[in-house]
Amino acid sequence: GWACTTLCLVSYAAAFSHGASLSACTDMMPRHLRVQ
């Protein structure tokens, strides 16, 4: 479970290091996990 969670978080974070996704077009909200 820990390994799966870590891999998912790493791939999720890497996706945004190259720019915002199209899902942010409307509300301009980053799709990060547990952000402040």
Full PDB file with SEQRES, HELIX, SHEET, SSBOND, CRYST1, ORIGX, SCALE, CONECT and MASTER records, all heavy atoms in Angstrom:
SEQRES   1 A   36  GLY TRP ALA CYS THR THR LEU CYS LEU VAL SER TYR ALA          
SEQRES   2 A   36  ALA ALA PHE SER HIS GLY ALA SER LEU SER ALA CYS THR          
SEQRES   3 A   36  ASP MET MET PRO ARG HIS LEU ARG VAL GLN                      
HELIX    1 AA1 TRP A    2  PHE A   16  1                                  15    
HELIX    2 AA2 LEU A   22  ALA A   24  5                                   3    
CRYST1    1.000    1.000    1.000  90.00  90.00  90.00 P 1           1          
ORIGX1      1.000000  0.000000  0.000000        0.00000                         
ORIGX2      0.000000  1.000000  0.000000        0.00000                         
ORIGX3      0.000000  0.000000  1.000000        0.00000                         
SCALE1      1.000000  0.000000  0.000000        0.00000                         
SCALE2      0.000000  1.000000  0.000000        0.00000                         
SCALE3      0.000000  0.000000  1.000000        0.00000                         
ATOM      1  N   GLY A   1       0.822  -1.212   0.000  1.00  0.00           N  
ATOM      2  CA  GLY A   1       0.000   0.000   0.000  1.00  0.00           C  
ATOM      3  C   GLY A   1       0.851   1.256   0.000  1.00  0.00           C  
ATOM      4  O   GLY A   1       0.594   2.209  -0.729  1.00  0.00           O  
ATOM      5  N   TRP A   2       1.910   1.259   0.802  1.00  0.00           N  
ATOM      6  CA  TRP A   2       2.820   2.399   0.857  1.00  0.00           C  
ATOM      7  C   TRP A   2       3.500   2.605  -0.493  1.00  0.00           C  
ATOM      8  O   TRP A   2       3.599   3.716  -0.988  1.00  0.00           O  
ATOM      9  CB  TRP A   2       3.857   2.163   1.961  1.00  0.00           C  
ATOM     10  CG  TRP A   2       4.891   3.255   2.013  1.00  0.00           C  
ATOM     11  CD1 TRP A   2       4.779   4.450   2.642  1.00  0.00           C  
ATOM     12  CD2 TRP A   2       6.164   3.250   1.388  1.00  0.00           C  
ATOM     13  NE1 TRP A   2       5.908   5.199   2.444  1.00  0.00           N  
ATOM     14  CE2 TRP A   2       6.786   4.473   1.670  1.00  0.00           C  
ATOM     15  CE3 TRP A   2       6.852   2.319   0.602  1.00  0.00           C  
ATOM     16  CZ2 TRP A   2       8.055   4.800   1.209  1.00  0.00           C  
ATOM     17  CZ3 TRP A   2       8.117   2.655   0.151  1.00  0.00           C  
ATOM     18  CH2 TRP A   2       8.699   3.873   0.449  1.00  0.00           C  
ATOM     19  N   ALA A   3       3.967   1.518  -1.100  1.00  0.00           N  
ATOM     20  CA  ALA A   3       4.650   1.610  -2.394  1.00  0.00           C  
ATOM     21  C   ALA A   3       3.712   2.159  -3.467  1.00  0.00           C  
ATOM     22  O   ALA A   3       4.087   3.027  -4.260  1.00  0.00           O  
ATOM     23  CB  ALA A   3       5.189   0.238  -2.802  1.00  0.00           C  
ATOM     24  N   CYS A   4       2.495   1.664  -3.493  1.00  0.00           N  
ATOM     25  CA  CYS A   4       1.515   2.134  -4.483  1.00  0.00           C  
ATOM     26  C   CYS A   4       1.214   3.623  -4.276  1.00  0.00           C  
ATOM     27  O   CYS A   4       1.195   4.395  -5.230  1.00  0.00           O  
ATOM     28  CB  CYS A   4       0.238   1.307  -4.379  1.00  0.00           C  
ATOM     29  SG  CYS A   4      -1.026   1.811  -5.561  1.00  0.00           S  
ATOM     30  N   THR A   5       1.001   4.026  -3.029  1.00  0.00           N  
ATOM     31  CA  THR A   5       0.718   5.427  -2.727  1.00  0.00           C  
ATOM     32  C   THR A   5       1.884   6.315  -3.144  1.00  0.00           C  
ATOM     33  O   THR A   5       1.698   7.363  -3.755  1.00  0.00           O  
ATOM     34  CB  THR A   5       0.429   5.610  -1.220  1.00  0.00           C  
ATOM     35  OG1 THR A   5      -0.693   4.803  -0.883  1.00  0.00           O  
ATOM     36  CG2 THR A   5       0.144   7.063  -0.881  1.00  0.00           C  
ATOM     37  N   THR A   6       3.112   5.897  -2.825  1.00  0.00           N  
ATOM     38  CA  THR A   6       4.292   6.678  -3.183  1.00  0.00           C  
ATOM     39  C   THR A   6       4.414   6.826  -4.689  1.00  0.00           C  
ATOM     40  O   THR A   6       4.636   7.929  -5.202  1.00  0.00           O  
ATOM     41  CB  THR A   6       5.562   6.017  -2.604  1.00  0.00           C  
ATOM     42  OG1 THR A   6       5.412   5.937  -1.190  1.00  0.00           O  
ATOM     43  CG2 THR A   6       6.805   6.818  -2.962  1.00  0.00           C  
ATOM     44  N   LEU A   7       4.253   5.741  -5.424  1.00  0.00           N  
ATOM     45  CA  LEU A   7       4.342   5.806  -6.886  1.00  0.00           C  
ATOM     46  C   LEU A   7       3.254   6.698  -7.471  1.00  0.00           C  
ATOM     47  O   LEU A   7       3.504   7.473  -8.388  1.00  0.00           O  
ATOM     48  CB  LEU A   7       4.260   4.404  -7.497  1.00  0.00           C  
ATOM     49  CG  LEU A   7       5.498   3.536  -7.298  1.00  0.00           C  
ATOM     50  CD1 LEU A   7       5.216   2.116  -7.793  1.00  0.00           C  
ATOM     51  CD2 LEU A   7       6.692   4.130  -8.005  1.00  0.00           C  
ATOM     52  N   CYS A   8       2.060   6.604  -6.940  1.00  0.00           N  
ATOM     53  CA  CYS A   8       0.957   7.436  -7.429  1.00  0.00           C  
ATOM     54  C   CYS A   8       1.246   8.913  -7.168  1.00  0.00           C  
ATOM     55  O   CYS A   8       1.039   9.752  -8.034  1.00  0.00           O  
ATOM     56  CB  CYS A   8      -0.362   7.048  -6.766  1.00  0.00           C  
ATOM     57  SG  CYS A   8      -0.973   5.446  -7.311  1.00  0.00           S  
ATOM     58  N   LEU A   9       1.732   9.238  -5.966  1.00  0.00           N  
ATOM     59  CA  LEU A   9       2.031  10.636  -5.631  1.00  0.00           C  
ATOM     60  C   LEU A   9       3.162  11.180  -6.483  1.00  0.00           C  
ATOM     61  O   LEU A   9       3.108  12.308  -6.958  1.00  0.00           O  
ATOM     62  CB  LEU A   9       2.376  10.778  -4.154  1.00  0.00           C  
ATOM     63  CG  LEU A   9       1.212  10.660  -3.179  1.00  0.00           C  
ATOM     64  CD1 LEU A   9       1.730  10.689  -1.747  1.00  0.00           C  
ATOM     65  CD2 LEU A   9       0.197  11.757  -3.406  1.00  0.00           C  
ATOM     66  N   VAL A  10       4.202  10.386  -6.707  1.00  0.00           N  
ATOM     67  CA  VAL A  10       5.333  10.843  -7.514  1.00  0.00           C  
ATOM     68  C   VAL A  10       4.884  11.105  -8.941  1.00  0.00           C  
ATOM     69  O   VAL A  10       5.193  12.144  -9.521  1.00  0.00           O  
ATOM     70  CB  VAL A  10       6.486   9.811  -7.472  1.00  0.00           C  
ATOM     71  CG1 VAL A  10       7.526  10.113  -8.534  1.00  0.00           C  
ATOM     72  CG2 VAL A  10       7.127   9.810  -6.091  1.00  0.00           C  
ATOM     73  N   SER A  11       4.118  10.211  -9.530  1.00  0.00           N  
ATOM     74  CA  SER A  11       3.667  10.425 -10.906  1.00  0.00           C  
ATOM     75  C   SER A  11       2.672  11.577 -10.972  1.00  0.00           C  
ATOM     76  O   SER A  11       2.676  12.352 -11.922  1.00  0.00           O  
ATOM     77  CB  SER A  11       3.051   9.147 -11.487  1.00  0.00           C  
ATOM     78  OG  SER A  11       1.908   8.787 -10.765  1.00  0.00           O  
ATOM     79  N   TYR A  12       1.838  11.750  -9.952  1.00  0.00           N  
ATOM     80  CA  TYR A  12       0.869  12.844  -9.915  1.00  0.00           C  
ATOM     81  C   TYR A  12       1.595  14.183  -9.830  1.00  0.00           C  
ATOM     82  O   TYR A  12       1.295  15.119 -10.549  1.00  0.00           O  
ATOM     83  CB  TYR A  12      -0.052  12.653  -8.702  1.00  0.00           C  
ATOM     84  CG  TYR A  12      -1.293  13.500  -8.700  1.00  0.00           C  
ATOM     85  CD1 TYR A  12      -2.375  13.167  -9.516  1.00  0.00           C  
ATOM     86  CD2 TYR A  12      -1.399  14.615  -7.878  1.00  0.00           C  
ATOM     87  CE1 TYR A  12      -3.525  13.930  -9.501  1.00  0.00           C  
ATOM     88  CE2 TYR A  12      -2.547  15.380  -7.866  1.00  0.00           C  
ATOM     89  CZ  TYR A  12      -3.609  15.028  -8.680  1.00  0.00           C  
ATOM     90  OH  TYR A  12      -4.748  15.789  -8.669  1.00  0.00           O  
ATOM     91  N   ALA A  13       2.617  14.258  -8.964  1.00  0.00           N  
ATOM     92  CA  ALA A  13       3.376  15.505  -8.802  1.00  0.00           C  
ATOM     93  C   ALA A  13       4.177  15.808 -10.052  1.00  0.00           C  
ATOM     94  O   ALA A  13       4.285  16.958 -10.472  1.00  0.00           O  
ATOM     95  CB  ALA A  13       4.303  15.396  -7.596  1.00  0.00           C  
ATOM     96  N   ALA A  14       4.753  14.800 -10.679  1.00  0.00           N  
ATOM     97  CA  ALA A  14       5.566  15.027 -11.869  1.00  0.00           C  
ATOM     98  C   ALA A  14       4.730  15.588 -13.011  1.00  0.00           C  
ATOM     99  O   ALA A  14       5.215  16.357 -13.828  1.00  0.00           O  
ATOM    100  CB  ALA A  14       6.232  13.716 -12.294  1.00  0.00           C  
ATOM    101  N   ALA A  15       3.461  15.232 -13.065  1.00  0.00           N  
ATOM    102  CA  ALA A  15       2.594  15.705 -14.142  1.00  0.00           C  
ATOM    103  C   ALA A  15       2.472  17.222 -14.142  1.00  0.00           C  
ATOM    104  O   ALA A  15       2.361  17.838 -15.177  1.00  0.00           O  
ATOM    105  CB  ALA A  15       1.209  15.070 -14.014  1.00  0.00           C  
ATOM    106  N   PHE A  16       2.503  17.872 -12.964  1.00  0.00           N  
ATOM    107  CA  PHE A  16       2.318  19.310 -12.874  1.00  0.00           C  
ATOM    108  C   PHE A  16       3.621  20.086 -12.948  1.00  0.00           C  
ATOM    109  O   PHE A  16       3.603  21.292 -13.024  1.00  0.00           O  
ATOM    110  CB  PHE A  16       1.556  19.667 -11.598  1.00  0.00           C  
ATOM    111  CG  PHE A  16       0.174  19.083 -11.595  1.00  0.00           C  
ATOM    112  CD1 PHE A  16      -0.153  18.063 -10.731  1.00  0.00           C  
ATOM    113  CD2 PHE A  16      -0.783  19.541 -12.476  1.00  0.00           C  
ATOM    114  CE1 PHE A  16      -1.427  17.507 -10.738  1.00  0.00           C  
ATOM    115  CE2 PHE A  16      -2.059  18.998 -12.486  1.00  0.00           C  
ATOM    116  CZ  PHE A  16      -2.376  17.972 -11.618  1.00  0.00           C  
ATOM    117  N   SER A  17       4.769  19.397 -12.908  1.00  0.00           N  
ATOM    118  CA  SER A  17       6.029  20.114 -12.983  1.00  0.00           C  
ATOM    119  C   SER A  17       6.241  20.692 -14.375  1.00  0.00           C  
ATOM    120  O   SER A  17       7.083  21.555 -14.568  1.00  0.00           O  
ATOM    121  CB  SER A  17       7.193  19.199 -12.591  1.00  0.00           C  
ATOM    122  OG  SER A  17       7.345  18.166 -13.539  1.00  0.00           O  
ATOM    123  N   HIS A  18       5.473  20.253 -15.337  1.00  0.00           N  
ATOM    124  CA  HIS A  18       5.585  20.751 -16.710  1.00  0.00           C  
ATOM    125  C   HIS A  18       4.412  21.630 -17.097  1.00  0.00           C  
ATOM    126  O   HIS A  18       4.154  21.840 -18.271  1.00  0.00           O  
ATOM    127  CB  HIS A  18       5.728  19.584 -17.687  1.00  0.00           C  
ATOM    128  CG  HIS A  18       6.939  18.763 -17.411  1.00  0.00           C  
ATOM    129  ND1 HIS A  18       8.225  19.241 -17.585  1.00  0.00           N  
ATOM    130  CD2 HIS A  18       7.076  17.511 -16.933  1.00  0.00           C  
ATOM    131  CE1 HIS A  18       9.092  18.312 -17.248  1.00  0.00           C  
ATOM    132  NE2 HIS A  18       8.423  17.251 -16.843  1.00  0.00           N  
ATOM    133  N   GLY A  19       3.667  22.135 -16.126  1.00  0.00           N  
ATOM    134  CA  GLY A  19       2.583  23.060 -16.404  1.00  0.00           C  
ATOM    135  C   GLY A  19       1.244  22.572 -15.907  1.00  0.00           C  
ATOM    136  O   GLY A  19       1.068  21.405 -15.559  1.00  0.00           O  
ATOM    137  N   ALA A  20       0.315  23.514 -15.884  1.00  0.00           N  
ATOM    138  CA  ALA A  20      -1.039  23.208 -15.438  1.00  0.00           C  
ATOM    139  C   ALA A  20      -1.725  22.292 -16.449  1.00  0.00           C  
ATOM    140  O   ALA A  20      -1.419  22.316 -17.636  1.00  0.00           O  
ATOM    141  CB  ALA A  20      -1.837  24.496 -15.272  1.00  0.00           C  
ATOM    142  N   SER A  21      -2.671  21.516 -15.953  1.00  0.00           N  
ATOM    143  CA  SER A  21      -3.432  20.645 -16.841  1.00  0.00           C  
ATOM    144  C   SER A  21      -4.652  21.396 -17.371  1.00  0.00           C  
ATOM    145  O   SER A  21      -5.056  22.429 -16.829  1.00  0.00           O  
ATOM    146  CB  SER A  21      -3.874  19.385 -16.097  1.00  0.00           C  
ATOM    147  OG  SER A  21      -4.874  19.699 -15.155  1.00  0.00           O  
ATOM    148  N   LEU A  22      -5.253  20.866 -18.411  1.00  0.00           N  
ATOM    149  CA  LEU A  22      -6.440  21.496 -18.993  1.00  0.00           C  
ATOM    150  C   LEU A  22      -7.613  21.506 -18.019  1.00  0.00           C  
ATOM    151  O   LEU A  22      -8.531  22.308 -18.171  1.00  0.00           O  
ATOM    152  CB  LEU A  22      -6.827  20.787 -20.294  1.00  0.00           C  
ATOM    153  CG  LEU A  22      -5.830  20.965 -21.442  1.00  0.00           C  
ATOM    154  CD1 LEU A  22      -6.264  20.147 -22.651  1.00  0.00           C  
ATOM    155  CD2 LEU A  22      -5.662  22.428 -21.814  1.00  0.00           C  
ATOM    156  N   SER A  23      -7.557  20.667 -16.992  1.00  0.00           N  
ATOM    157  CA  SER A  23      -8.640  20.663 -16.004  1.00  0.00           C  
ATOM    158  C   SER A  23      -8.681  21.960 -15.201  1.00  0.00           C  
ATOM    159  O   SER A  23      -9.675  22.255 -14.549  1.00  0.00           O  
ATOM    160  CB  SER A  23      -8.509  19.463 -15.067  1.00  0.00           C  
ATOM    161  OG  SER A  23      -7.318  19.564 -14.306  1.00  0.00           O  
ATOM    162  N   ALA A  24      -7.614  22.755 -15.256  1.00  0.00           N  
ATOM    163  CA  ALA A  24      -7.571  24.029 -14.526  1.00  0.00           C  
ATOM    164  C   ALA A  24      -8.085  25.199 -15.370  1.00  0.00           C  
ATOM    165  O   ALA A  24      -8.161  26.320 -14.870  1.00  0.00           O  
ATOM    166  CB  ALA A  24      -6.145  24.320 -14.071  1.00  0.00           C  
ATOM    167  N   CYS A  25      -8.454  24.962 -16.610  1.00  0.00           N  
ATOM    168  CA  CYS A  25      -8.871  26.044 -17.503  1.00  0.00           C  
ATOM    169  C   CYS A  25     -10.011  26.891 -16.945  1.00  0.00           C  
ATOM    170  O   CYS A  25      -9.954  28.117 -16.986  1.00  0.00           O  
ATOM    171  CB  CYS A  25      -9.291  25.488 -18.858  1.00  0.00           C  
ATOM    172  SG  CYS A  25      -7.908  24.981 -19.902  1.00  0.00           S  
ATOM    173  N   THR A  26     -11.039  26.278 -16.434  1.00  0.00           N  
ATOM    174  CA  THR A  26     -12.233  27.004 -16.028  1.00  0.00           C  
ATOM    175  C   THR A  26     -12.066  27.748 -14.715  1.00  0.00           C  
ATOM    176  O   THR A  26     -12.333  28.943 -14.645  1.00  0.00           O  
ATOM    177  CB  THR A  26     -13.433  26.038 -15.932  1.00  0.00           C  
ATOM    178  OG1 THR A  26     -13.565  25.377 -17.193  1.00  0.00           O  
ATOM    179  CG2 THR A  26     -14.709  26.790 -15.617  1.00  0.00           C  
ATOM    180  N   ASP A  27     -11.600  27.067 -13.656  1.00  0.00           N  
ATOM    181  CA  ASP A  27     -11.530  27.711 -12.345  1.00  0.00           C  
ATOM    182  C   ASP A  27     -10.130  28.166 -11.945  1.00  0.00           C  
ATOM    183  O   ASP A  27      -9.954  28.780 -10.896  1.00  0.00           O  
ATOM    184  CB  ASP A  27     -12.116  26.807 -11.267  1.00  0.00           C  
ATOM    185  CG  ASP A  27     -11.369  25.487 -11.121  1.00  0.00           C  
ATOM    186  OD1 ASP A  27     -10.291  25.312 -11.734  1.00  0.00           O  
ATOM    187  OD2 ASP A  27     -11.870  24.617 -10.387  1.00  0.00           O  
ATOM    188  N   MET A  28      -9.125  27.861 -12.759  1.00  0.00           N  
ATOM    189  CA  MET A  28      -7.730  28.235 -12.523  1.00  0.00           C  
ATOM    190  C   MET A  28      -7.169  27.667 -11.219  1.00  0.00           C  
ATOM    191  O   MET A  28      -6.249  28.218 -10.627  1.00  0.00           O  
ATOM    192  CB  MET A  28      -7.562  29.765 -12.573  1.00  0.00           C  
ATOM    193  CG  MET A  28      -7.932  30.365 -13.910  1.00  0.00           C  
ATOM    194  SD  MET A  28      -7.570  32.127 -14.033  1.00  0.00           S  
ATOM    195  CE  MET A  28      -5.783  32.089 -14.198  1.00  0.00           C  
ATOM    196  N   MET A  29      -7.713  26.555 -10.761  1.00  0.00           N  
ATOM    197  CA  MET A  29      -7.271  25.915  -9.523  1.00  0.00           C  
ATOM    198  C   MET A  29      -6.257  24.818  -9.835  1.00  0.00           C  
ATOM    199  O   MET A  29      -6.536  23.951 -10.667  1.00  0.00           O  
ATOM    200  CB  MET A  29      -8.451  25.277  -8.793  1.00  0.00           C  
ATOM    201  CG  MET A  29      -9.469  26.264  -8.277  1.00  0.00           C  
ATOM    202  SD  MET A  29      -8.932  27.110  -6.810  1.00  0.00           S  
ATOM    203  CE  MET A  29      -9.196  25.840  -5.608  1.00  0.00           C  
ATOM    204  N   PRO A  30      -5.098  24.841  -9.165  1.00  0.00           N  
ATOM    205  CA  PRO A  30      -4.163  23.722  -9.314  1.00  0.00           C  
ATOM    206  C   PRO A  30      -4.820  22.441  -8.807  1.00  0.00           C  
ATOM    207  O   PRO A  30      -5.616  22.482  -7.879  1.00  0.00           O  
ATOM    208  CB  PRO A  30      -2.989  24.111  -8.415  1.00  0.00           C  
ATOM    209  CG  PRO A  30      -3.102  25.585  -8.240  1.00  0.00           C  
ATOM    210  CD  PRO A  30      -4.573  25.888  -8.302  1.00  0.00           C  
ATOM    211  N   ARG A  31      -4.496  21.341  -9.412  1.00  0.00           N  
ATOM    212  CA  ARG A  31      -5.067  20.063  -8.993  1.00  0.00           C  
ATOM    213  C   ARG A  31      -4.054  19.303  -8.146  1.00  0.00           C  
ATOM    214  O   ARG A  31      -3.751  18.156  -8.378  1.00  0.00           O  
ATOM    215  CB  ARG A  31      -5.473  19.234 -10.221  1.00  0.00           C  
ATOM    216  CG  ARG A  31      -6.534  19.893 -11.085  1.00  0.00           C  
ATOM    217  CD  ARG A  31      -7.814  20.128 -10.295  1.00  0.00           C  
ATOM    218  NE  ARG A  31      -8.900  20.584 -11.130  1.00  0.00           N  
ATOM    219  CZ  ARG A  31      -9.337  21.831 -11.173  1.00  0.00           C  
ATOM    220  NH1 ARG A  31      -8.772  22.767 -10.455  1.00  0.00           N  
ATOM    221  NH2 ARG A  31     -10.354  22.162 -11.943  1.00  0.00           N  
ATOM    222  N   HIS A  32      -3.504  19.989  -7.136  1.00  0.00           N  
ATOM    223  CA  HIS A  32      -2.545  19.379  -6.222  1.00  0.00           C  
ATOM    224  C   HIS A  32      -3.306  18.706  -5.089  1.00  0.00           C  
ATOM    225  O   HIS A  32      -4.440  19.050  -4.797  1.00  0.00           O  
ATOM    226  CB  HIS A  32      -1.629  20.440  -5.624  1.00  0.00           C  
ATOM    227  CG  HIS A  32      -0.784  21.144  -6.643  1.00  0.00           C  
ATOM    228  ND1 HIS A  32       0.117  22.108  -6.294  1.00  0.00           N  
ATOM    229  CD2 HIS A  32      -0.694  21.031  -7.984  1.00  0.00           C  
ATOM    230  CE1 HIS A  32       0.723  22.556  -7.368  1.00  0.00           C  
ATOM    231  NE2 HIS A  32       0.244  21.924  -8.406  1.00  0.00           N  
ATOM    232  N   LEU A  33      -2.634  17.791  -4.401  1.00  0.00           N  
ATOM    233  CA  LEU A  33      -3.228  17.129  -3.251  1.00  0.00           C  
ATOM    234  C   LEU A  33      -2.995  17.960  -2.002  1.00  0.00           C  
ATOM    235  O   LEU A  33      -1.909  18.487  -1.794  1.00  0.00           O  
ATOM    236  CB  LEU A  33      -2.597  15.748  -3.053  1.00  0.00           C  
ATOM    237  CG  LEU A  33      -2.748  14.777  -4.218  1.00  0.00           C  
ATOM    238  CD1 LEU A  33      -1.988  13.505  -3.922  1.00  0.00           C  
ATOM    239  CD2 LEU A  33      -4.208  14.477  -4.463  1.00  0.00           C  
ATOM    240  N   ARG A  34      -4.014  18.091  -1.164  1.00  0.00           N  
ATOM    241  CA  ARG A  34      -3.931  18.752   0.133  1.00  0.00           C  
ATOM    242  C   ARG A  34      -3.146  20.055   0.095  1.00  0.00           C  
ATOM    243  O   ARG A  34      -2.177  20.241   0.794  1.00  0.00           O  
ATOM    244  CB  ARG A  34      -3.321  17.822   1.166  1.00  0.00           C  
ATOM    245  CG  ARG A  34      -4.290  16.739   1.579  1.00  0.00           C  
ATOM    246  CD  ARG A  34      -3.739  15.956   2.721  1.00  0.00           C  
ATOM    247  NE  ARG A  34      -2.905  14.892   2.178  1.00  0.00           N  
ATOM    248  CZ  ARG A  34      -1.956  14.278   2.842  1.00  0.00           C  
ATOM    249  NH1 ARG A  34      -1.667  14.618   4.061  1.00  0.00           N  
ATOM    250  NH2 ARG A  34      -1.281  13.315   2.299  1.00  0.00           N  
ATOM    251  N   VAL A  35      -3.563  20.973  -0.731  1.00  0.00           N  
ATOM    252  CA  VAL A  35      -2.874  22.251  -0.825  1.00  0.00           C  
ATOM    253  C   VAL A  35      -3.449  23.253   0.160  1.00  0.00           C  
ATOM    254  O   VAL A  35      -4.568  23.116   0.627  1.00  0.00           O  
ATOM    255  CB  VAL A  35      -2.960  22.829  -2.253  1.00  0.00           C  
ATOM    256  CG1 VAL A  35      -2.154  21.997  -3.213  1.00  0.00           C  
ATOM    257  CG2 VAL A  35      -4.385  22.960  -2.700  1.00  0.00           C  
ATOM    258  N   GLN A  36      -2.687  24.272   0.433  1.00  0.00           N  
ATOM    259  CA  GLN A  36      -3.120  25.356   1.296  1.00  0.00           C  
ATOM    260  C   GLN A  36      -3.439  26.541   0.400  1.00  0.00           C  
ATOM    261  O   GLN A  36      -2.552  27.140  -0.194  1.00  0.00           O  
ATOM    262  CB  GLN A  36      -2.002  25.711   2.274  1.00  0.00           C  
ATOM    263  CG  GLN A  36      -2.345  26.844   3.201  1.00  0.00           C  
ATOM    264  CD  GLN A  36      -1.186  27.153   4.135  1.00  0.00           C  
ATOM    265  OE1 GLN A  36      -0.172  26.467   4.146  1.00  0.00           O  
ATOM    266  NE2 GLN A  36      -1.332  28.198   4.902  1.00  0.00           N  
TER     267      GLN A  36                                                      
MASTER        0    0    0    2    0    0    0    6  266    1    0    3          
END                                                                             
